[in-house]
Amino acid sequence: MMLTGQTHSDQFGRMLRPSARHIGFCATPLLSGCAAQSAPTFSIFGAYFPDWMLCGMIGVAVAVGLRVLFLISGIDSVLSLRLFTYVSLGIIAALLVWLIAFGP
């Protein structure tokens, strides 16, 4: 039933407008990843740092080290997508450290 002055697009827009109840219901599955355990951290001089930060720093160091090694050996001049190569090598190194040190 349409009221005077309302079009079908007004009614359709009102039906699609999310309410707080709908947003809360849809956000509930996203919260299922939260656990009662603490986040994976390690202590350095009393301050807690997340493990992913250590893995990221190791990944950056590996990528820089491989760049220097590739420059010395001449492989760097052959690479066509250098940025993506070094970023992916750093990510691979970080994920391997995460898997070996903190994985299942």
C-alpha atoms as a PDB file:
ATOM      1  CA  MET A   1       0.000   0.000   0.000  1.00  0.00           C
ATOM      2  CA  MET A   2       1.462   3.294  -1.060  1.00  0.00           C
ATOM      3  CA  LEU A   3       0.829   6.478   0.785  1.00  0.00           C
ATOM      4  CA  THR A   4       0.328   9.616  -1.191  1.00  0.00           C
ATOM      5  CA  GLY A   5       3.563  11.220  -2.298  1.00  0.00           C
ATOM      6  CA  GLN A   6       5.630   8.031  -1.959  1.00  0.00           C
ATOM      7  CA  THR A   7       7.097   6.228  -4.902  1.00  0.00           C
ATOM      8  CA  HIS A   8       8.209   2.650  -5.222  1.00  0.00           C
ATOM      9  CA  SER A   9      11.856   3.701  -4.941  1.00  0.00           C
ATOM     10  CA  ASP A  10      11.144   5.405  -1.580  1.00  0.00           C
ATOM     11  CA  GLN A  11       9.599   2.238  -0.204  1.00  0.00           C
ATOM     12  CA  PHE A  12      12.375   0.082  -1.642  1.00  0.00           C
ATOM     13  CA  GLY A  13      15.046   2.343  -0.116  1.00  0.00           C
ATOM     14  CA  ARG A  14      13.336   2.170   3.270  1.00  0.00           C
ATOM     15  CA  MET A  15      13.243  -1.620   3.115  1.00  0.00           C
ATOM     16  CA  LEU A  16      16.971  -1.801   2.333  1.00  0.00           C
ATOM     17  CA  ARG A  17      17.992   0.673   5.035  1.00  0.00           C
ATOM     18  CA  PRO A  18      19.841  -1.341   7.702  1.00  0.00           C
ATOM     19  CA  SER A  19      18.731  -1.041  11.277  1.00  0.00           C
ATOM     20  CA  ALA A  20      20.907  -1.536  14.343  1.00  0.00           C
ATOM     21  CA  ARG A  21      19.336  -4.958  14.869  1.00  0.00           C
ATOM     22  CA  HIS A  22      20.244  -6.071  11.338  1.00  0.00           C
ATOM     23  CA  ILE A  23      23.805  -4.794  11.631  1.00  0.00           C
ATOM     24  CA  GLY A  24      24.251  -6.511  15.002  1.00  0.00           C
ATOM     25  CA  PHE A  25      22.881  -9.774  13.641  1.00  0.00           C
ATOM     26  CA  CYS A  26      25.205  -9.658  10.621  1.00  0.00           C
ATOM     27  CA  ALA A  27      28.245  -8.698  12.734  1.00  0.00           C
ATOM     28  CA  THR A  28      27.828 -11.615  15.156  1.00  0.00           C
ATOM     29  CA  PRO A  29      29.661 -14.181  12.974  1.00  0.00           C
ATOM     30  CA  LEU A  30      32.607 -11.781  12.673  1.00  0.00           C
ATOM     31  CA  LEU A  31      33.066 -11.845  16.443  1.00  0.00           C
ATOM     32  CA  SER A  32      33.342 -15.623  16.573  1.00  0.00           C
ATOM     33  CA  GLY A  33      37.097 -15.375  15.947  1.00  0.00           C
ATOM     34  CA  CYS A  34      37.633 -13.708  19.306  1.00  0.00           C
ATOM     35  CA  ALA A  35      38.948 -16.114  21.913  1.00  0.00           C
ATOM     36  CA  ALA A  36      39.256 -15.988  25.668  1.00  0.00           C
ATOM     37  CA  GLN A  37      42.985 -16.549  25.333  1.00  0.00           C
ATOM     38  CA  SER A  38      45.339 -13.648  25.046  1.00  0.00           C
ATOM     39  CA  ALA A  39      46.829 -12.562  21.742  1.00  0.00           C
ATOM     40  CA  PRO A  40      50.140 -14.158  20.709  1.00  0.00           C
ATOM     41  CA  THR A  41      52.738 -11.759  22.097  1.00  0.00           C
ATOM     42  CA  PHE A  42      56.249 -11.805  23.463  1.00  0.00           C
ATOM     43  CA  SER A  43      57.825  -9.616  26.110  1.00  0.00           C
ATOM     44  CA  ILE A  44      60.774  -7.322  25.380  1.00  0.00           C
ATOM     45  CA  PHE A  45      61.942  -5.407  28.468  1.00  0.00           C
ATOM     46  CA  GLY A  46      58.477  -5.657  29.989  1.00  0.00           C
ATOM     47  CA  ALA A  47      56.584  -4.402  26.921  1.00  0.00           C
ATOM     48  CA  TYR A  48      54.436  -6.832  24.975  1.00  0.00           C
ATOM     49  CA  PHE A  49      54.783  -6.903  21.190  1.00  0.00           C
ATOM     50  CA  PRO A  50      52.575  -8.904  18.864  1.00  0.00           C
ATOM     51  CA  ASP A  51      54.183 -11.839  17.115  1.00  0.00           C
ATOM     52  CA  TRP A  52      53.173 -10.633  13.666  1.00  0.00           C
ATOM     53  CA  MET A  53      55.310  -7.524  14.188  1.00  0.00           C
ATOM     54  CA  LEU A  54      58.409  -9.645  14.753  1.00  0.00           C
ATOM     55  CA  CYS A  55      57.592 -11.762  11.688  1.00  0.00           C
ATOM     56  CA  GLY A  56      57.075  -8.600   9.612  1.00  0.00           C
ATOM     57  CA  MET A  57      60.432  -7.169  10.670  1.00  0.00           C
ATOM     58  CA  ILE A  58      62.139 -10.449   9.817  1.00  0.00           C
ATOM     59  CA  GLY A  59      60.387 -10.460   6.422  1.00  0.00           C
ATOM     60  CA  VAL A  60      61.608  -6.934   5.675  1.00  0.00           C
ATOM     61  CA  ALA A  61      65.146  -7.855   6.726  1.00  0.00           C
ATOM     62  CA  VAL A  62      65.090 -10.954   4.505  1.00  0.00           C
ATOM     63  CA  ALA A  63      63.801  -8.950   1.530  1.00  0.00           C
ATOM     64  CA  VAL A  64      66.534  -6.322   1.968  1.00  0.00           C
ATOM     65  CA  GLY A  65      69.163  -9.030   2.377  1.00  0.00           C
ATOM     66  CA  LEU A  66      67.988 -10.823  -0.750  1.00  0.00           C
ATOM     67  CA  ARG A  67      68.046  -7.539  -2.671  1.00  0.00           C
ATOM     68  CA  VAL A  68      71.675  -7.006  -1.717  1.00  0.00           C
ATOM     69  CA  LEU A  69      72.478 -10.609  -2.631  1.00  0.00           C
ATOM     70  CA  PHE A  70      70.669 -10.275  -5.983  1.00  0.00           C
ATOM     71  CA  LEU A  71      72.497  -7.016  -6.735  1.00  0.00           C
ATOM     72  CA  ILE A  72      75.872  -8.609  -6.033  1.00  0.00           C
ATOM     73  CA  SER A  73      75.112 -11.700  -8.109  1.00  0.00           C
ATOM     74  CA  GLY A  74      73.546  -9.760 -11.011  1.00  0.00           C
ATOM     75  CA  ILE A  75      70.119 -11.399 -10.766  1.00  0.00           C
ATOM     76  CA  ASP A  76      68.480  -8.032  -9.987  1.00  0.00           C
ATOM     77  CA  SER A  77      69.083  -6.734 -13.517  1.00  0.00           C
ATOM     78  CA  VAL A  78      67.147  -9.696 -14.974  1.00  0.00           C
ATOM     79  CA  LEU A  79      64.028  -9.163 -12.820  1.00  0.00           C
ATOM     80  CA  SER A  80      61.176  -7.392 -14.570  1.00  0.00           C
ATOM     81  CA  LEU A  81      58.926  -6.635 -11.575  1.00  0.00           C
ATOM     82  CA  ARG A  82      61.442  -5.921  -8.833  1.00  0.00           C
ATOM     83  CA  LEU A  83      59.063  -4.345  -6.336  1.00  0.00           C
ATOM     84  CA  PHE A  84      56.608  -7.219  -6.459  1.00  0.00           C
ATOM     85  CA  THR A  85      59.422  -9.760  -6.320  1.00  0.00           C
ATOM     86  CA  TYR A  86      60.963  -8.324  -3.172  1.00  0.00           C
ATOM     87  CA  VAL A  87      57.611  -7.721  -1.487  1.00  0.00           C
ATOM     88  CA  SER A  88      56.547 -11.300  -2.163  1.00  0.00           C
ATOM     89  CA  LEU A  89      59.887 -12.661  -0.944  1.00  0.00           C
ATOM     90  CA  GLY A  90      59.490 -10.666   2.270  1.00  0.00           C
ATOM     91  CA  ILE A  91      55.937 -11.918   2.755  1.00  0.00           C
ATOM     92  CA  ILE A  92      56.997 -15.504   2.121  1.00  0.00           C
ATOM     93  CA  ALA A  93      59.800 -15.156   4.682  1.00  0.00           C
ATOM     94  CA  ALA A  94      57.466 -13.593   7.256  1.00  0.00           C
ATOM     95  CA  LEU A  95      54.863 -16.313   6.786  1.00  0.00           C
ATOM     96  CA  LEU A  96      57.478 -19.053   7.036  1.00  0.00           C
ATOM     97  CA  VAL A  97      58.784 -17.568  10.296  1.00  0.00           C
ATOM     98  CA  TRP A  98      55.214 -17.380  11.597  1.00  0.00           C
ATOM     99  CA  LEU A  99      54.541 -20.984  10.608  1.00  0.00           C
ATOM    100  CA  ILE A 100      57.781 -22.359  12.025  1.00  0.00           C
ATOM    101  CA  ALA A 101      57.903 -20.352  15.252  1.00  0.00           C
ATOM    102  CA  PHE A 102      54.233 -19.790  16.161  1.00  0.00           C
ATOM    103  CA  GLY A 103      52.262 -22.183  13.973  1.00  0.00           C
ATOM    104  CA  PRO A 104      50.398 -25.318  15.001  1.00  0.00           C
END
